[in-house]
Amino acid sequence: MEEILNPKVEMVGLFDLIGVGVVKQFEEKLTSPVIGNGTLVSGGIKLIGGAVLHGKGGRFGNIASSALLVDAGEDLAMGIMGLIGSGTGAAQGNTHGSDGFSA
């Protein structure tokens, strides 16, 4: 439970930063058809997955964990903004543009 309440994002240098970005893109494309994207549910699932994965698999495991946690934060924020009526993209069901802003 401690891992979920206090998740850790670790990046040590440029390699890890780029790695997190690459893994986040792949992870988002793989998980979206199954758990969705930009919702409270998808954010919660990614938060749990990232928290559980942290510390497992060495550096690459931490990169994957950090990517899941960053995406979880994004999904939770979009889900909350959708609840209060100021969200964009998936939180409001926008299917027009992939970035949530274009028509």
N, C-alpha and C. Protein backbone atom coordinates (compact mmCIF):
# COMPACT_ATOMS: atom_id res chain seq x y z
N MET A 1 0.82 -1.20 0.00
CA MET A 1 0.00 0.00 0.00
C MET A 1 0.86 1.26 0.00
N GLU A 2 1.99 1.17 0.70
CA GLU A 2 2.90 2.32 0.77
C GLU A 2 3.38 2.74 -0.62
N GLU A 3 3.65 1.73 -1.50
CA GLU A 3 4.12 2.03 -2.85
C GLU A 3 3.08 2.82 -3.65
N ILE A 4 1.81 2.53 -3.42
CA ILE A 4 0.74 3.18 -4.17
C ILE A 4 0.52 4.60 -3.66
N LEU A 5 0.61 4.79 -2.33
CA LEU A 5 0.38 6.11 -1.76
C LEU A 5 1.56 7.06 -1.96
N ASN A 6 2.76 6.52 -2.12
CA ASN A 6 3.96 7.33 -2.33
C ASN A 6 4.77 6.79 -3.51
N PRO A 7 4.22 6.89 -4.73
CA PRO A 7 4.95 6.34 -5.88
C PRO A 7 6.23 7.12 -6.16
N LYS A 8 7.22 6.44 -6.70
CA LYS A 8 8.52 7.05 -6.98
C LYS A 8 8.80 7.06 -8.48
N VAL A 9 9.14 8.22 -8.99
CA VAL A 9 9.57 8.37 -10.38
C VAL A 9 11.07 8.62 -10.34
N GLU A 10 11.83 7.76 -11.02
CA GLU A 10 13.29 7.88 -11.02
C GLU A 10 13.80 8.08 -12.43
N MET A 11 14.60 9.14 -12.59
CA MET A 11 15.28 9.37 -13.85
C MET A 11 16.69 9.87 -13.52
N VAL A 12 17.69 9.16 -14.04
CA VAL A 12 19.08 9.53 -13.79
C VAL A 12 19.70 9.87 -15.13
N GLY A 13 19.55 11.11 -15.52
CA GLY A 13 20.18 11.55 -16.76
C GLY A 13 19.27 11.51 -17.97
N LEU A 14 19.86 11.90 -19.09
CA LEU A 14 19.15 12.04 -20.35
C LEU A 14 18.65 10.71 -20.88
N PHE A 15 19.44 9.64 -20.74
CA PHE A 15 19.02 8.32 -21.21
C PHE A 15 17.70 7.90 -20.56
N ASP A 16 17.62 8.07 -19.25
CA ASP A 16 16.39 7.69 -18.54
C ASP A 16 15.22 8.57 -18.95
N LEU A 17 15.46 9.85 -19.13
CA LEU A 17 14.41 10.78 -19.53
C LEU A 17 13.82 10.38 -20.89
N ILE A 18 14.70 10.12 -21.84
CA ILE A 18 14.24 9.70 -23.17
C ILE A 18 13.58 8.32 -23.09
N GLY A 19 14.16 7.44 -22.28
CA GLY A 19 13.58 6.11 -22.10
C GLY A 19 12.16 6.16 -21.56
N VAL A 20 11.92 7.02 -20.59
CA VAL A 20 10.58 7.17 -20.03
C VAL A 20 9.62 7.66 -21.11
N GLY A 21 10.05 8.62 -21.92
CA GLY A 21 9.20 9.12 -23.00
C GLY A 21 8.86 8.06 -24.03
N VAL A 22 9.85 7.25 -24.39
CA VAL A 22 9.63 6.19 -25.38
C VAL A 22 8.70 5.12 -24.81
N VAL A 23 8.98 4.67 -23.60
CA VAL A 23 8.15 3.63 -22.98
C VAL A 23 6.73 4.13 -22.78
N LYS A 24 6.56 5.40 -22.40
CA LYS A 24 5.22 5.96 -22.20
C LYS A 24 4.41 5.89 -23.50
N GLN A 25 5.04 6.21 -24.62
CA GLN A 25 4.33 6.16 -25.90
C GLN A 25 3.89 4.74 -26.25
N PHE A 26 4.78 3.78 -26.08
CA PHE A 26 4.42 2.38 -26.35
C PHE A 26 3.37 1.88 -25.38
N GLU A 27 3.56 2.17 -24.11
CA GLU A 27 2.63 1.72 -23.08
C GLU A 27 1.23 2.27 -23.31
N GLU A 28 1.16 3.53 -23.69
CA GLU A 28 -0.14 4.16 -23.94
C GLU A 28 -0.86 3.48 -25.10
N LYS A 29 -0.14 3.19 -26.16
CA LYS A 29 -0.75 2.53 -27.33
C LYS A 29 -1.17 1.09 -27.01
N LEU A 30 -0.41 0.42 -26.18
CA LEU A 30 -0.74 -0.96 -25.81
C LEU A 30 -1.92 -1.04 -24.85
N THR A 31 -1.99 -0.12 -23.89
CA THR A 31 -3.02 -0.22 -22.85
C THR A 31 -4.32 0.48 -23.20
N SER A 32 -4.30 1.45 -24.09
CA SER A 32 -5.51 2.22 -24.41
C SER A 32 -6.69 1.36 -24.85
N PRO A 33 -6.49 0.38 -25.74
CA PRO A 33 -7.65 -0.42 -26.15
C PRO A 33 -8.24 -1.26 -25.01
N VAL A 34 -7.44 -1.55 -24.00
CA VAL A 34 -7.89 -2.42 -22.91
C VAL A 34 -8.46 -1.63 -21.74
N ILE A 35 -7.71 -0.62 -21.27
CA ILE A 35 -8.15 0.12 -20.07
C ILE A 35 -8.52 1.57 -20.35
N GLY A 36 -8.38 2.00 -21.60
CA GLY A 36 -8.71 3.38 -21.93
C GLY A 36 -7.52 4.30 -21.72
N ASN A 37 -7.76 5.59 -21.88
CA ASN A 37 -6.71 6.59 -21.72
C ASN A 37 -7.36 7.90 -21.32
N GLY A 38 -6.76 8.59 -20.38
CA GLY A 38 -7.26 9.88 -19.96
C GLY A 38 -8.45 9.81 -19.02
N THR A 39 -8.62 8.68 -18.34
CA THR A 39 -9.74 8.53 -17.42
C THR A 39 -9.22 8.23 -16.02
N LEU A 40 -10.08 8.37 -15.04
CA LEU A 40 -9.70 8.05 -13.67
C LEU A 40 -9.39 6.56 -13.52
N VAL A 41 -10.14 5.72 -14.21
CA VAL A 41 -9.91 4.28 -14.14
C VAL A 41 -8.55 3.92 -14.73
N SER A 42 -8.24 4.42 -15.93
CA SER A 42 -6.95 4.10 -16.55
C SER A 42 -5.81 4.66 -15.71
N GLY A 43 -6.00 5.84 -15.15
CA GLY A 43 -4.97 6.43 -14.29
C GLY A 43 -4.73 5.60 -13.04
N GLY A 44 -5.80 5.11 -12.44
CA GLY A 44 -5.66 4.29 -11.25
C GLY A 44 -4.94 2.98 -11.52
N ILE A 45 -5.29 2.35 -12.64
CA ILE A 45 -4.64 1.08 -13.00
C ILE A 45 -3.16 1.31 -13.28
N LYS A 46 -2.83 2.37 -14.01
CA LYS A 46 -1.42 2.65 -14.31
C LYS A 46 -0.65 3.03 -13.05
N LEU A 47 -1.30 3.73 -12.13
CA LEU A 47 -0.67 4.10 -10.86
C LEU A 47 -0.29 2.85 -10.08
N ILE A 48 -1.21 1.92 -9.97
CA ILE A 48 -0.93 0.68 -9.25
C ILE A 48 0.17 -0.11 -9.95
N GLY A 49 0.08 -0.23 -11.28
CA GLY A 49 1.10 -0.96 -12.03
C GLY A 49 2.48 -0.34 -11.89
N GLY A 50 2.56 0.97 -12.01
CA GLY A 50 3.85 1.66 -11.89
C GLY A 50 4.42 1.56 -10.48
N ALA A 51 3.56 1.66 -9.47
CA ALA A 51 4.03 1.57 -8.09
C ALA A 51 4.54 0.17 -7.77
N VAL A 52 3.84 -0.85 -8.25
CA VAL A 52 4.25 -2.23 -7.99
C VAL A 52 5.54 -2.56 -8.75
N LEU A 53 5.70 -2.03 -9.95
CA LEU A 53 6.87 -2.32 -10.78
C LEU A 53 8.14 -1.65 -10.27
N HIS A 54 8.01 -0.55 -9.52
CA HIS A 54 9.18 0.21 -9.07
C HIS A 54 10.12 -0.69 -8.26
N GLY A 55 11.40 -0.61 -8.57
CA GLY A 55 12.41 -1.37 -7.86
C GLY A 55 12.61 -2.77 -8.39
N LYS A 56 11.84 -3.14 -9.39
CA LYS A 56 11.98 -4.48 -9.98
C LYS A 56 12.53 -4.32 -11.40
N GLY A 57 13.49 -5.13 -11.76
CA GLY A 57 14.03 -5.07 -13.12
C GLY A 57 15.15 -4.07 -13.30
N GLY A 58 15.73 -3.60 -12.21
CA GLY A 58 16.86 -2.68 -12.30
C GLY A 58 16.50 -1.35 -12.95
N ARG A 59 17.44 -0.82 -13.67
CA ARG A 59 17.27 0.50 -14.29
C ARG A 59 16.13 0.51 -15.30
N PHE A 60 16.04 -0.53 -16.12
CA PHE A 60 14.98 -0.58 -17.13
C PHE A 60 13.61 -0.76 -16.49
N GLY A 61 13.55 -1.49 -15.40
CA GLY A 61 12.30 -1.62 -14.66
C GLY A 61 11.85 -0.30 -14.10
N ASN A 62 12.81 0.49 -13.60
CA ASN A 62 12.47 1.81 -13.06
C ASN A 62 12.05 2.77 -14.16
N ILE A 63 12.64 2.63 -15.35
CA ILE A 63 12.21 3.46 -16.48
C ILE A 63 10.76 3.12 -16.84
N ALA A 64 10.44 1.83 -16.91
CA ALA A 64 9.07 1.42 -17.22
C ALA A 64 8.11 1.87 -16.12
N SER A 65 8.52 1.72 -14.88
CA SER A 65 7.70 2.15 -13.75
C SER A 65 7.43 3.65 -13.82
N SER A 66 8.48 4.42 -14.07
CA SER A 66 8.33 5.88 -14.15
C SER A 66 7.42 6.29 -15.30
N ALA A 67 7.53 5.59 -16.43
CA ALA A 67 6.66 5.90 -17.58
C ALA A 67 5.19 5.65 -17.22
N LEU A 68 4.92 4.55 -16.56
CA LEU A 68 3.55 4.25 -16.13
C LEU A 68 3.04 5.31 -15.15
N LEU A 69 3.90 5.72 -14.22
CA LEU A 69 3.48 6.71 -13.22
C LEU A 69 3.23 8.09 -13.84
N VAL A 70 4.09 8.47 -14.78
CA VAL A 70 3.88 9.76 -15.47
C VAL A 70 2.57 9.72 -16.24
N ASP A 71 2.31 8.63 -16.93
CA ASP A 71 1.06 8.50 -17.69
C ASP A 71 -0.13 8.43 -16.74
N ALA A 72 0.04 7.79 -15.59
CA ALA A 72 -1.04 7.74 -14.60
C ALA A 72 -1.39 9.14 -14.12
N GLY A 73 -0.38 9.95 -13.86
CA GLY A 73 -0.63 11.32 -13.43
C GLY A 73 -1.38 12.12 -14.48
N GLU A 74 -0.99 11.93 -15.74
CA GLU A 74 -1.67 12.60 -16.85
C GLU A 74 -3.13 12.15 -16.94
N ASP A 75 -3.36 10.83 -16.87
CA ASP A 75 -4.72 10.30 -16.96
C ASP A 75 -5.59 10.78 -15.80
N LEU A 76 -5.03 10.76 -14.59
CA LEU A 76 -5.81 11.21 -13.43
C LEU A 76 -6.15 12.69 -13.54
N ALA A 77 -5.21 13.50 -13.99
CA ALA A 77 -5.48 14.93 -14.16
C ALA A 77 -6.56 15.16 -15.21
N MET A 78 -6.47 14.43 -16.33
CA MET A 78 -7.49 14.59 -17.38
C MET A 78 -8.85 14.11 -16.89
N GLY A 79 -8.87 13.03 -16.12
CA GLY A 79 -10.13 12.53 -15.57
C GLY A 79 -10.76 13.52 -14.61
N ILE A 80 -9.95 14.12 -13.76
CA ILE A 80 -10.46 15.11 -12.81
C ILE A 80 -10.95 16.35 -13.54
N MET A 81 -10.20 16.81 -14.55
CA MET A 81 -10.63 17.98 -15.32
C MET A 81 -11.92 17.69 -16.05
N GLY A 82 -12.08 16.45 -16.53
CA GLY A 82 -13.33 16.08 -17.18
C GLY A 82 -14.50 16.11 -16.23
N LEU A 83 -14.27 15.74 -14.97
CA LEU A 83 -15.34 15.76 -13.96
C LEU A 83 -15.79 17.18 -13.64
N ILE A 84 -14.84 18.11 -13.66
CA ILE A 84 -15.21 19.49 -13.33
C ILE A 84 -15.53 20.32 -14.57
N GLY A 85 -15.49 19.68 -15.73
CA GLY A 85 -15.95 20.34 -16.96
C GLY A 85 -14.92 21.16 -17.69
N SER A 86 -13.64 21.03 -17.34
CA SER A 86 -12.63 21.83 -18.05
C SER A 86 -11.60 20.96 -18.75
N GLY A 87 -11.90 19.67 -18.92
CA GLY A 87 -10.94 18.77 -19.55
C GLY A 87 -10.97 18.87 -21.06
N THR A 88 -9.96 18.29 -21.66
CA THR A 88 -9.89 18.21 -23.11
C THR A 88 -9.58 16.78 -23.49
N GLY A 89 -9.70 16.48 -24.74
CA GLY A 89 -9.29 15.17 -25.23
C GLY A 89 -10.15 14.05 -24.72
N ALA A 90 -9.50 12.96 -24.29
CA ALA A 90 -10.20 11.75 -23.90
C ALA A 90 -11.13 11.98 -22.72
N ALA A 91 -10.81 12.93 -21.84
CA ALA A 91 -11.64 13.18 -20.67
C ALA A 91 -13.04 13.65 -21.08
N GLN A 92 -13.15 14.27 -22.25
CA GLN A 92 -14.45 14.72 -22.73
C GLN A 92 -14.93 13.89 -23.92
N GLY A 93 -14.21 12.85 -24.23
CA GLY A 93 -14.61 11.98 -25.34
C GLY A 93 -14.31 12.57 -26.70
N ASN A 94 -13.34 13.45 -26.81
CA ASN A 94 -12.96 14.05 -28.07
C ASN A 94 -12.32 13.01 -28.96
N THR A 95 -12.90 12.78 -30.11
CA THR A 95 -12.32 11.82 -31.05
C THR A 95 -11.87 12.50 -32.34
N HIS A 96 -11.88 13.85 -32.35
CA HIS A 96 -11.55 14.57 -33.58
C HIS A 96 -10.05 14.63 -33.84
N GLY A 97 -9.26 14.94 -32.83
CA GLY A 97 -7.83 15.06 -33.04
C GLY A 97 -7.07 14.23 -32.03
N SER A 98 -5.94 13.71 -32.45
CA SER A 98 -5.19 12.84 -31.56
C SER A 98 -4.59 13.61 -30.40
N ASP A 99 -4.40 14.94 -30.54
CA ASP A 99 -3.81 15.70 -29.45
C ASP A 99 -4.87 16.31 -28.54
N GLY A 100 -6.15 16.14 -28.84
CA GLY A 100 -7.20 16.65 -27.99
C GLY A 100 -7.56 18.09 -28.25
N PHE A 101 -6.85 18.76 -29.14
CA PHE A 101 -7.11 20.17 -29.40
C PHE A 101 -7.54 20.46 -30.84
N SER A 102 -7.03 19.67 -31.78
CA SER A 102 -7.32 19.96 -33.17
C SER A 102 -8.68 19.41 -33.58
N ALA A 103 -9.27 20.07 -34.56
CA ALA A 103 -10.61 19.67 -35.01
C ALA A 103 -10.53 18.59 -36.06
